[in-house]
Protein backbone atom coordinates (compact mmCIF):
# COMPACT_ATOMS: atom_id res chain seq x y z
CA UNK A 1 0.00 0.00 0.00
CA UNK A 2 2.82 2.40 0.89
CA UNK A 3 4.55 1.70 -2.45
CA UNK A 4 1.37 2.55 -4.36
CA UNK A 5 0.98 5.77 -2.38
CA UNK A 6 4.58 6.78 -3.13
CA UNK A 7 4.10 6.13 -6.87
CA UNK A 8 0.94 8.22 -6.96
CA UNK A 9 2.55 10.97 -4.88
CA UNK A 10 5.56 11.09 -7.23
CA UNK A 11 3.25 11.46 -10.23
CA UNK A 12 1.22 14.12 -8.46
CA UNK A 13 4.33 16.14 -7.63
CA UNK A 14 5.17 16.20 -11.36
CA UNK A 15 1.64 17.42 -12.12
CA UNK A 16 2.04 20.34 -9.73
CA UNK A 17 3.98 22.21 -12.43
CA UNK A 18 0.81 22.29 -14.55
CA UNK A 19 -1.58 23.41 -11.83
CA UNK A 20 -3.15 26.87 -12.08
CA UNK A 21 -5.45 26.89 -9.04
CA UNK A 22 -5.81 24.69 -5.94
CA UNK A 23 -8.84 24.26 -3.70
CA UNK A 24 -8.35 22.34 -0.46
CA UNK A 25 -11.30 20.56 1.12
CA UNK A 26 -10.97 19.47 4.74
CA UNK A 27 -13.43 17.06 6.30
CA UNK A 28 -13.46 16.07 9.95
CA UNK A 29 -15.90 13.60 11.46
CA UNK A 30 -16.43 11.10 14.26
CA UNK A 31 -17.29 7.46 13.54
CA UNK A 32 -20.01 5.49 15.30
CA UNK A 33 -17.34 3.90 17.52
CA UNK A 34 -16.23 7.41 18.60
CA UNK A 35 -13.00 7.65 16.59
CA UNK A 36 -12.19 10.98 14.95
CA UNK A 37 -10.88 11.29 11.40
CA UNK A 38 -9.81 14.02 9.03
CA UNK A 39 -9.17 13.94 5.32
CA UNK A 40 -7.70 16.55 3.02
CA UNK A 41 -8.75 16.58 -0.61
CA UNK A 42 -7.08 18.75 -3.20
CA UNK A 43 -9.15 19.87 -6.13
CA UNK A 44 -7.20 21.63 -8.85
CA UNK A 45 -7.29 22.89 -12.41
CA UNK A 46 -4.45 22.16 -14.79
CA UNK A 47 -3.45 24.29 -17.77
CA UNK A 48 -5.97 22.62 -20.10
CA UNK A 49 -8.76 23.67 -17.68
CA UNK A 50 -9.27 20.07 -16.64
CA UNK A 51 -10.56 19.73 -13.10
CA UNK A 52 -8.95 16.99 -11.01
CA UNK A 53 -9.41 15.84 -7.42
CA UNK A 54 -7.05 13.77 -5.24
CA UNK A 55 -7.00 12.63 -1.63
CA UNK A 56 -3.85 14.01 0.00
CA UNK A 57 -4.29 12.78 3.54
CA UNK A 58 -6.54 10.60 5.64
CA UNK A 59 -5.72 10.25 9.30
CA UNK A 60 -7.06 9.28 12.65
CA UNK A 61 -7.09 12.25 15.00
CA UNK A 62 -6.07 12.29 18.63
CA UNK A 63 -8.62 13.04 21.32
CA UNK A 64 -7.31 16.60 21.62
CA UNK A 65 -7.59 17.89 18.07
CA UNK A 66 -7.92 21.64 18.62
CA UNK A 67 -7.38 24.26 15.91
CA UNK A 68 -3.63 24.43 16.55
CA UNK A 69 -3.28 20.66 16.12
CA UNK A 70 -5.35 20.69 12.92
CA UNK A 71 -3.31 23.59 11.52
CA UNK A 72 -0.07 21.70 12.23
CA UNK A 73 -1.41 18.61 10.46
CA UNK A 74 -2.46 20.71 7.46
CA UNK A 75 0.97 22.36 7.30
CA UNK A 76 2.62 18.90 7.25
CA UNK A 77 0.55 18.02 4.17
CA UNK A 78 1.42 21.38 2.53
CA UNK A 79 5.12 20.77 3.07
CA UNK A 80 4.96 17.12 2.06
CA UNK A 81 3.29 17.97 -1.26
CA UNK A 82 5.23 21.21 -1.74
CA UNK A 83 2.10 23.37 -1.89
CA UNK A 84 2.84 25.62 1.09
CA UNK A 85 3.07 28.69 -1.18
PDB file of N, CA and C in Angstrom:
ATOM      1  N   UNK A   1       0.826  -1.188   0.000  1.00  0.00           N
ATOM      2  CA  UNK A   1       0.000   0.000   0.000  1.00  0.00           C
ATOM      3  C   UNK A   1       0.869   1.250   0.000  1.00  0.00           C
ATOM      4  N   UNK A   2       1.926   1.249   0.809  1.00  0.00           N
ATOM      5  CA  UNK A   2       2.824   2.397   0.886  1.00  0.00           C
ATOM      6  C   UNK A   2       3.533   2.636  -0.445  1.00  0.00           C
ATOM      7  N   UNK A   3       3.891   1.573  -1.150  1.00  0.00           N
ATOM      8  CA  UNK A   3       4.550   1.702  -2.449  1.00  0.00           C
ATOM      9  C   UNK A   3       3.615   2.358  -3.461  1.00  0.00           C
ATOM     10  N   UNK A   4       2.360   1.954  -3.463  1.00  0.00           N
ATOM     11  CA  UNK A   4       1.374   2.547  -4.360  1.00  0.00           C
ATOM     12  C   UNK A   4       1.204   4.030  -4.058  1.00  0.00           C
ATOM     13  N   UNK A   5       1.103   4.372  -2.772  1.00  0.00           N
ATOM     14  CA  UNK A   5       0.978   5.774  -2.377  1.00  0.00           C
ATOM     15  C   UNK A   5       2.179   6.579  -2.865  1.00  0.00           C
ATOM     16  N   UNK A   6       3.370   6.055  -2.700  1.00  0.00           N
ATOM     17  CA  UNK A   6       4.581   6.776  -3.128  1.00  0.00           C
ATOM     18  C   UNK A   6       4.617   6.972  -4.642  1.00  0.00           C
ATOM     19  N   UNK A   7       4.150   5.990  -5.404  1.00  0.00           N
ATOM     20  CA  UNK A   7       4.097   6.126  -6.868  1.00  0.00           C
ATOM     21  C   UNK A   7       3.118   7.227  -7.265  1.00  0.00           C
ATOM     22  N   UNK A   8       1.947   7.209  -6.646  1.00  0.00           N
ATOM     23  CA  UNK A   8       0.938   8.219  -6.956  1.00  0.00           C
ATOM     24  C   UNK A   8       1.418   9.603  -6.537  1.00  0.00           C
ATOM     25  N   UNK A   9       2.041   9.679  -5.376  1.00  0.00           N
ATOM     26  CA  UNK A   9       2.554  10.965  -4.884  1.00  0.00           C
ATOM     27  C   UNK A   9       3.627  11.517  -5.828  1.00  0.00           C
ATOM     28  N   UNK A  10       4.502  10.671  -6.305  1.00  0.00           N
ATOM     29  CA  UNK A  10       5.559  11.093  -7.226  1.00  0.00           C
ATOM     30  C   UNK A  10       4.947  11.656  -8.514  1.00  0.00           C
ATOM     31  N   UNK A  11       3.929  10.986  -9.025  1.00  0.00           N
ATOM     32  CA  UNK A  11       3.250  11.456 -10.234  1.00  0.00           C
ATOM     33  C   UNK A  11       2.527  12.779  -9.980  1.00  0.00           C
ATOM     34  N   UNK A  12       1.915  12.896  -8.821  1.00  0.00           N
ATOM     35  CA  UNK A  12       1.216  14.122  -8.457  1.00  0.00           C
ATOM     36  C   UNK A  12       2.183  15.298  -8.326  1.00  0.00           C
ATOM     37  N   UNK A  13       3.341  15.074  -7.769  1.00  0.00           N
ATOM     38  CA  UNK A  13       4.332  16.143  -7.633  1.00  0.00           C
ATOM     39  C   UNK A  13       4.778  16.651  -9.004  1.00  0.00           C
ATOM     40  N   UNK A  14       4.842  15.769 -10.007  1.00  0.00           N
ATOM     41  CA  UNK A  14       5.167  16.197 -11.365  1.00  0.00           C
ATOM     42  C   UNK A  14       4.041  17.051 -11.948  1.00  0.00           C
ATOM     43  N   UNK A  15       2.800  16.676 -11.627  1.00  0.00           N
ATOM     44  CA  UNK A  15       1.644  17.423 -12.124  1.00  0.00           C
ATOM     45  C   UNK A  15       1.558  18.832 -11.540  1.00  0.00           C
ATOM     46  N   UNK A  16       2.132  19.040 -10.391  1.00  0.00           N
ATOM     47  CA  UNK A  16       2.045  20.343  -9.732  1.00  0.00           C
ATOM     48  C   UNK A  16       2.545  21.483 -10.620  1.00  0.00           C
ATOM     49  N   UNK A  17       3.459  21.181 -11.523  1.00  0.00           N
ATOM     50  CA  UNK A  17       3.979  22.207 -12.427  1.00  0.00           C
ATOM     51  C   UNK A  17       2.905  22.721 -13.387  1.00  0.00           C
ATOM     52  N   UNK A  18       1.870  21.923 -13.620  1.00  0.00           N
ATOM     53  CA  UNK A  18       0.807  22.286 -14.552  1.00  0.00           C
ATOM     54  C   UNK A  18      -0.389  22.946 -13.875  1.00  0.00           C
ATOM     55  N   UNK A  19      -0.393  22.956 -12.563  1.00  0.00           N
ATOM     56  CA  UNK A  19      -1.579  23.414 -11.834  1.00  0.00           C
ATOM     57  C   UNK A  19      -1.671  24.932 -11.806  1.00  0.00           C
ATOM     58  N   UNK A  20      -2.872  25.430 -12.104  1.00  0.00           N
ATOM     59  CA  UNK A  20      -3.146  26.866 -12.077  1.00  0.00           C
ATOM     60  C   UNK A  20      -3.741  27.277 -10.735  1.00  0.00           C
ATOM     61  N   UNK A  21      -4.745  26.568 -10.277  1.00  0.00           N
ATOM     62  CA  UNK A  21      -5.449  26.891  -9.036  1.00  0.00           C
ATOM     63  C   UNK A  21      -5.633  25.628  -8.203  1.00  0.00           C
ATOM     64  N   UNK A  22      -5.600  25.797  -6.861  1.00  0.00           N
ATOM     65  CA  UNK A  22      -5.809  24.687  -5.944  1.00  0.00           C
ATOM     66  C   UNK A  22      -6.919  25.056  -4.969  1.00  0.00           C
ATOM     67  N   UNK A  23      -7.807  24.120  -4.725  1.00  0.00           N
ATOM     68  CA  UNK A  23      -8.840  24.260  -3.701  1.00  0.00           C
ATOM     69  C   UNK A  23      -8.660  23.097  -2.737  1.00  0.00           C
ATOM     70  N   UNK A  24      -8.492  23.394  -1.456  1.00  0.00           N
ATOM     71  CA  UNK A  24      -8.354  22.342  -0.457  1.00  0.00           C
ATOM     72  C   UNK A  24      -9.680  22.150   0.264  1.00  0.00           C
ATOM     73  N   UNK A  25     -10.063  20.908   0.425  1.00  0.00           N
ATOM     74  CA  UNK A  25     -11.298  20.557   1.116  1.00  0.00           C
ATOM     75  C   UNK A  25     -10.907  19.727   2.331  1.00  0.00           C
ATOM     76  N   UNK A  26     -11.278  20.191   3.505  1.00  0.00           N
ATOM     77  CA  UNK A  26     -10.975  19.466   4.736  1.00  0.00           C
ATOM     78  C   UNK A  26     -12.271  18.949   5.333  1.00  0.00           C
ATOM     79  N   UNK A  27     -12.278  17.679   5.663  1.00  0.00           N
ATOM     80  CA  UNK A  27     -13.431  17.055   6.302  1.00  0.00           C
ATOM     81  C   UNK A  27     -12.978  16.439   7.616  1.00  0.00           C
ATOM     82  N   UNK A  28     -13.755  16.663   8.646  1.00  0.00           N
ATOM     83  CA  UNK A  28     -13.460  16.072   9.949  1.00  0.00           C
ATOM     84  C   UNK A  28     -14.752  15.462  10.462  1.00  0.00           C
ATOM     85  N   UNK A  29     -14.693  14.232  10.952  1.00  0.00           N
ATOM     86  CA  UNK A  29     -15.903  13.599  11.462  1.00  0.00           C
ATOM     87  C   UNK A  29     -15.557  12.574  12.523  1.00  0.00           C
ATOM     88  N   UNK A  30     -16.577  12.111  13.225  1.00  0.00           N
ATOM     89  CA  UNK A  30     -16.435  11.097  14.262  1.00  0.00           C
ATOM     90  C   UNK A  30     -17.245   9.874  13.839  1.00  0.00           C
ATOM     91  N   UNK A  31     -16.629   8.701  13.929  1.00  0.00           N
ATOM     92  CA  UNK A  31     -17.295   7.457  13.541  1.00  0.00           C
ATOM     93  C   UNK A  31     -18.264   7.007  14.635  1.00  0.00           C
ATOM     94  N   UNK A  32     -19.038   5.990  14.320  1.00  0.00           N
ATOM     95  CA  UNK A  32     -20.006   5.486  15.297  1.00  0.00           C
ATOM     96  C   UNK A  32     -19.321   4.866  16.520  1.00  0.00           C
ATOM     97  N   UNK A  33     -18.066   4.430  16.362  1.00  0.00           N
ATOM     98  CA  UNK A  33     -17.340   3.897  17.516  1.00  0.00           C
ATOM     99  C   UNK A  33     -16.474   4.979  18.177  1.00  0.00           C
ATOM    100  N   UNK A  34     -16.809   6.245  17.920  1.00  0.00           N
ATOM    101  CA  UNK A  34     -16.233   7.411  18.602  1.00  0.00           C
ATOM    102  C   UNK A  34     -14.780   7.720  18.231  1.00  0.00           C
ATOM    103  N   UNK A  35     -14.334   7.288  17.072  1.00  0.00           N
ATOM    104  CA  UNK A  35     -13.004   7.645  16.585  1.00  0.00           C
ATOM    105  C   UNK A  35     -13.128   8.861  15.679  1.00  0.00           C
ATOM    106  N   UNK A  36     -12.168   9.773  15.780  1.00  0.00           N
ATOM    107  CA  UNK A  36     -12.192  10.982  14.952  1.00  0.00           C
ATOM    108  C   UNK A  36     -11.244  10.837  13.772  1.00  0.00           C
ATOM    109  N   UNK A  37     -11.676  11.358  12.616  1.00  0.00           N
ATOM    110  CA  UNK A  37     -10.877  11.290  11.397  1.00  0.00           C
ATOM    111  C   UNK A  37     -10.893  12.636  10.689  1.00  0.00           C
ATOM    112  N   UNK A  38      -9.871  12.839   9.881  1.00  0.00           N
ATOM    113  CA  UNK A  38      -9.805  14.020   9.031  1.00  0.00           C
ATOM    114  C   UNK A  38      -9.245  13.590   7.684  1.00  0.00           C
ATOM    115  N   UNK A  39      -9.792  14.146   6.625  1.00  0.00           N
ATOM    116  CA  UNK A  39      -9.168  13.941   5.323  1.00  0.00           C
ATOM    117  C   UNK A  39      -8.984  15.293   4.649  1.00  0.00           C
ATOM    118  N   UNK A  40      -7.999  15.340   3.769  1.00  0.00           N
ATOM    119  CA  UNK A  40      -7.697  16.552   3.017  1.00  0.00           C
ATOM    120  C   UNK A  40      -7.733  16.172   1.547  1.00  0.00           C
ATOM    121  N   UNK A  41      -8.605  16.833   0.817  1.00  0.00           N
ATOM    122  CA  UNK A  41      -8.755  16.582  -0.614  1.00  0.00           C
ATOM    123  C   UNK A  41      -8.300  17.833  -1.355  1.00  0.00           C
ATOM    124  N   UNK A  42      -7.525  17.625  -2.387  1.00  0.00           N
ATOM    125  CA  UNK A  42      -7.078  18.747  -3.204  1.00  0.00           C
ATOM    126  C   UNK A  42      -7.803  18.679  -4.535  1.00  0.00           C
ATOM    127  N   UNK A  43      -8.510  19.730  -4.842  1.00  0.00           N
ATOM    128  CA  UNK A  43      -9.153  19.866  -6.134  1.00  0.00           C
ATOM    129  C   UNK A  43      -8.362  20.933  -6.881  1.00  0.00           C
ATOM    130  N   UNK A  44      -8.038  20.680  -8.129  1.00  0.00           N
ATOM    131  CA  UNK A  44      -7.196  21.633  -8.851  1.00  0.00           C
ATOM    132  C   UNK A  44      -7.540  21.664 -10.329  1.00  0.00           C
ATOM    133  N   UNK A  45      -7.093  22.720 -10.964  1.00  0.00           N
ATOM    134  CA  UNK A  45      -7.287  22.888 -12.407  1.00  0.00           C
ATOM    135  C   UNK A  45      -5.912  22.949 -13.048  1.00  0.00           C
ATOM    136  N   UNK A  46      -5.714  22.120 -14.069  1.00  0.00           N
ATOM    137  CA  UNK A  46      -4.446  22.158 -14.792  1.00  0.00           C
ATOM    138  C   UNK A  46      -4.581  23.084 -16.001  1.00  0.00           C
ATOM    139  N   UNK A  47      -3.494  23.294 -16.685  1.00  0.00           N
ATOM    140  CA  UNK A  47      -3.450  24.289 -17.769  1.00  0.00           C
ATOM    141  C   UNK A  47      -4.517  24.093 -18.835  1.00  0.00           C
ATOM    142  N   UNK A  48      -4.937  22.879 -19.084  1.00  0.00           N
ATOM    143  CA  UNK A  48      -5.968  22.618 -20.100  1.00  0.00           C
ATOM    144  C   UNK A  48      -7.376  22.812 -19.540  1.00  0.00           C
ATOM    145  N   UNK A  49      -7.498  23.425 -18.366  1.00  0.00           N
ATOM    146  CA  UNK A  49      -8.761  23.666 -17.678  1.00  0.00           C
ATOM    147  C   UNK A  49      -9.495  22.370 -17.368  1.00  0.00           C
ATOM    148  N   UNK A  50      -8.714  21.343 -17.067  1.00  0.00           N
ATOM    149  CA  UNK A  50      -9.269  20.069 -16.644  1.00  0.00           C
ATOM    150  C   UNK A  50      -9.277  20.052 -15.123  1.00  0.00           C
ATOM    151  N   UNK A  51     -10.445  19.766 -14.544  1.00  0.00           N
ATOM    152  CA  UNK A  51     -10.558  19.729 -13.097  1.00  0.00           C
ATOM    153  C   UNK A  51     -10.218  18.332 -12.589  1.00  0.00           C
ATOM    154  N   UNK A  52      -9.364  18.260 -11.603  1.00  0.00           N
ATOM    155  CA  UNK A  52      -8.947  16.994 -11.005  1.00  0.00           C
ATOM    156  C   UNK A  52      -9.169  17.063  -9.497  1.00  0.00           C
ATOM    157  N   UNK A  53      -9.249  15.904  -8.867  1.00  0.00           N
ATOM    158  CA  UNK A  53      -9.406  15.836  -7.421  1.00  0.00           C
ATOM    159  C   UNK A  53      -8.587  14.658  -6.905  1.00  0.00           C
ATOM    160  N   UNK A  54      -7.866  14.843  -5.794  1.00  0.00           N
ATOM    161  CA  UNK A  54      -7.045  13.774  -5.242  1.00  0.00           C
ATOM    162  C   UNK A  54      -7.063  13.857  -3.712  1.00  0.00           C
ATOM    163  N   UNK A  55      -7.071  12.697  -3.083  1.00  0.00           N
ATOM    164  CA  UNK A  55      -6.996  12.626  -1.626  1.00  0.00           C
ATOM    165  C   UNK A  55      -5.535  12.760  -1.217  1.00  0.00           C
ATOM    166  N   UNK A  56      -5.219  13.792  -0.433  1.00  0.00           N
ATOM    167  CA  UNK A  56      -3.846  14.008   0.002  1.00  0.00           C
ATOM    168  C   UNK A  56      -3.545  13.347   1.340  1.00  0.00           C
ATOM    169  N   UNK A  57      -4.544  13.300   2.201  1.00  0.00           N
ATOM    170  CA  UNK A  57      -4.289  12.784   3.539  1.00  0.00           C
ATOM    171  C   UNK A  57      -5.570  12.239   4.147  1.00  0.00           C
ATOM    172  N   UNK A  58      -5.443  11.155   4.879  1.00  0.00           N
ATOM    173  CA  UNK A  58      -6.544  10.597   5.642  1.00  0.00           C
ATOM    174  C   UNK A  58      -5.936  10.089   6.929  1.00  0.00           C
ATOM    175  N   UNK A  59      -6.366  10.641   8.048  1.00  0.00           N
ATOM    176  CA  UNK A  59      -5.722  10.254   9.296  1.00  0.00           C
ATOM    177  C   UNK A  59      -6.709  10.174  10.445  1.00  0.00           C
ATOM    178  N   UNK A  60      -6.326   9.361  11.396  1.00  0.00           N
ATOM    179  CA  UNK A  60      -7.059   9.275  12.650  1.00  0.00           C
ATOM    180  C   UNK A  60      -6.559  10.403  13.541  1.00  0.00           C
ATOM    181  N   UNK A  61      -7.469  11.117  14.163  1.00  0.00           N
ATOM    182  CA  UNK A  61      -7.094  12.251  15.001  1.00  0.00           C
ATOM    183  C   UNK A  61      -7.023  11.849  16.463  1.00  0.00           C
ATOM    184  N   UNK A  62      -6.156  12.532  17.192  1.00  0.00           N
ATOM    185  CA  UNK A  62      -6.070  12.288  18.629  1.00  0.00           C
ATOM    186  C   UNK A  62      -7.301  12.859  19.317  1.00  0.00           C
ATOM    187  N   UNK A  63      -7.465  12.533  20.564  1.00  0.00           N
ATOM    188  CA  UNK A  63      -8.618  13.043  21.322  1.00  0.00           C
ATOM    189  C   UNK A  63      -8.599  14.564  21.429  1.00  0.00           C
ATOM    190  N   UNK A  64      -7.421  15.142  21.477  1.00  0.00           N
ATOM    191  CA  UNK A  64      -7.311  16.596  21.620  1.00  0.00           C
ATOM    192  C   UNK A  64      -6.933  17.216  20.285  1.00  0.00           C
ATOM    193  N   UNK A  65      -7.878  17.330  19.395  1.00  0.00           N
ATOM    194  CA  UNK A  65      -7.591  17.895  18.075  1.00  0.00           C
ATOM    195  C   UNK A  65      -8.191  19.302  17.994  1.00  0.00           C
ATOM    196  N   UNK A  66      -7.497  20.245  18.657  1.00  0.00           N
ATOM    197  CA  UNK A  66      -7.918  21.640  18.616  1.00  0.00           C
ATOM    198  C   UNK A  66      -7.434  22.290  17.319  1.00  0.00           C
ATOM    199  N   UNK A  67      -7.733  23.571  17.155  1.00  0.00           N
ATOM    200  CA  UNK A  67      -7.378  24.264  15.907  1.00  0.00           C
ATOM    201  C   UNK A  67      -5.877  24.281  15.654  1.00  0.00           C
ATOM    202  N   UNK A  68      -5.083  24.418  16.697  1.00  0.00           N
ATOM    203  CA  UNK A  68      -3.625  24.430  16.549  1.00  0.00           C
ATOM    204  C   UNK A  68      -3.131  23.085  16.016  1.00  0.00           C
ATOM    205  N   UNK A  69      -3.655  22.004  16.562  1.00  0.00           N
ATOM    206  CA  UNK A  69      -3.280  20.662  16.116  1.00  0.00           C
ATOM    207  C   UNK A  69      -3.662  20.460  14.650  1.00  0.00           C
ATOM    208  N   UNK A  70      -4.888  20.848  14.294  1.00  0.00           N
ATOM    209  CA  UNK A  70      -5.354  20.689  12.916  1.00  0.00           C
ATOM    210  C   UNK A  70      -4.524  21.529  11.946  1.00  0.00           C
ATOM    211  N   UNK A  71      -4.149  22.736  12.363  1.00  0.00           N
ATOM    212  CA  UNK A  71      -3.309  23.594  11.522  1.00  0.00           C
ATOM    213  C   UNK A  71      -1.932  22.960  11.315  1.00  0.00           C
ATOM    214  N   UNK A  72      -1.365  22.370  12.352  1.00  0.00           N
ATOM    215  CA  UNK A  72      -0.067  21.696  12.232  1.00  0.00           C
ATOM    216  C   UNK A  72      -0.147  20.522  11.267  1.00  0.00           C
ATOM    217  N   UNK A  73      -1.232  19.748  11.353  1.00  0.00           N
ATOM    218  CA  UNK A  73      -1.406  18.608  10.455  1.00  0.00           C
ATOM    219  C   UNK A  73      -1.555  19.075   9.003  1.00  0.00           C
ATOM    220  N   UNK A  74      -2.286  20.159   8.807  1.00  0.00           N
ATOM    221  CA  UNK A  74      -2.463  20.707   7.462  1.00  0.00           C
ATOM    222  C   UNK A  74      -1.131  21.207   6.906  1.00  0.00           C
ATOM    223  N   UNK A  75      -0.345  21.871   7.731  1.00  0.00           N
ATOM    224  CA  UNK A  75       0.966  22.359   7.295  1.00  0.00           C
ATOM    225  C   UNK A  75       1.875  21.200   6.891  1.00  0.00           C
ATOM    226  N   UNK A  76       1.820  20.084   7.621  1.00  0.00           N
ATOM    227  CA  UNK A  76       2.616  18.904   7.252  1.00  0.00           C
ATOM    228  C   UNK A  76       2.279  18.441   5.834  1.00  0.00           C
ATOM    229  N   UNK A  77       0.988  18.435   5.512  1.00  0.00           N
ATOM    230  CA  UNK A  77       0.554  18.023   4.168  1.00  0.00           C
ATOM    231  C   UNK A  77       1.036  19.037   3.132  1.00  0.00           C
ATOM    232  N   UNK A  78       0.923  20.333   3.445  1.00  0.00           N
ATOM    233  CA  UNK A  78       1.420  21.376   2.532  1.00  0.00           C
ATOM    234  C   UNK A  78       2.889  21.152   2.215  1.00  0.00           C
ATOM    235  N   UNK A  79       3.685  20.950   3.256  1.00  0.00           N
ATOM    236  CA  UNK A  79       5.124  20.774   3.065  1.00  0.00           C
ATOM    237  C   UNK A  79       5.433  19.475   2.337  1.00  0.00           C
ATOM    238  N   UNK A  80       4.722  18.420   2.676  1.00  0.00           N
ATOM    239  CA  UNK A  80       4.956  17.121   2.061  1.00  0.00           C
ATOM    240  C   UNK A  80       4.683  17.150   0.561  1.00  0.00           C
ATOM    241  N   UNK A  81       3.647  17.891   0.148  1.00  0.00           N
ATOM    242  CA  UNK A  81       3.295  17.969  -1.263  1.00  0.00           C
ATOM    243  C   UNK A  81       3.797  19.240  -1.934  1.00  0.00           C
ATOM    244  N   UNK A  82       4.609  19.988  -1.203  1.00  0.00           N
ATOM    245  CA  UNK A  82       5.230  21.206  -1.743  1.00  0.00           C
ATOM    246  C   UNK A  82       4.207  22.209  -2.273  1.00  0.00           C
ATOM    247  N   UNK A  83       3.128  22.420  -1.497  1.00  0.00           N
ATOM    248  CA  UNK A  83       2.101  23.374  -1.887  1.00  0.00           C
ATOM    249  C   UNK A  83       1.930  24.456  -0.808  1.00  0.00           C
ATOM    250  N   UNK A  84       2.960  24.649   0.005  1.00  0.00           N
ATOM    251  CA  UNK A  84       2.844  25.624   1.089  1.00  0.00           C
ATOM    252  C   UNK A  84       2.753  27.056   0.592  1.00  0.00           C
ATOM    253  N   UNK A  85       3.159  27.328  -0.635  1.00  0.00           N
ATOM    254  CA  UNK A  85       3.073  28.693  -1.175  1.00  0.00           C
ATOM    255  C   UNK A  85       1.641  29.067  -1.447  1.00  0.00           C
TER     256      UNK A  85
END
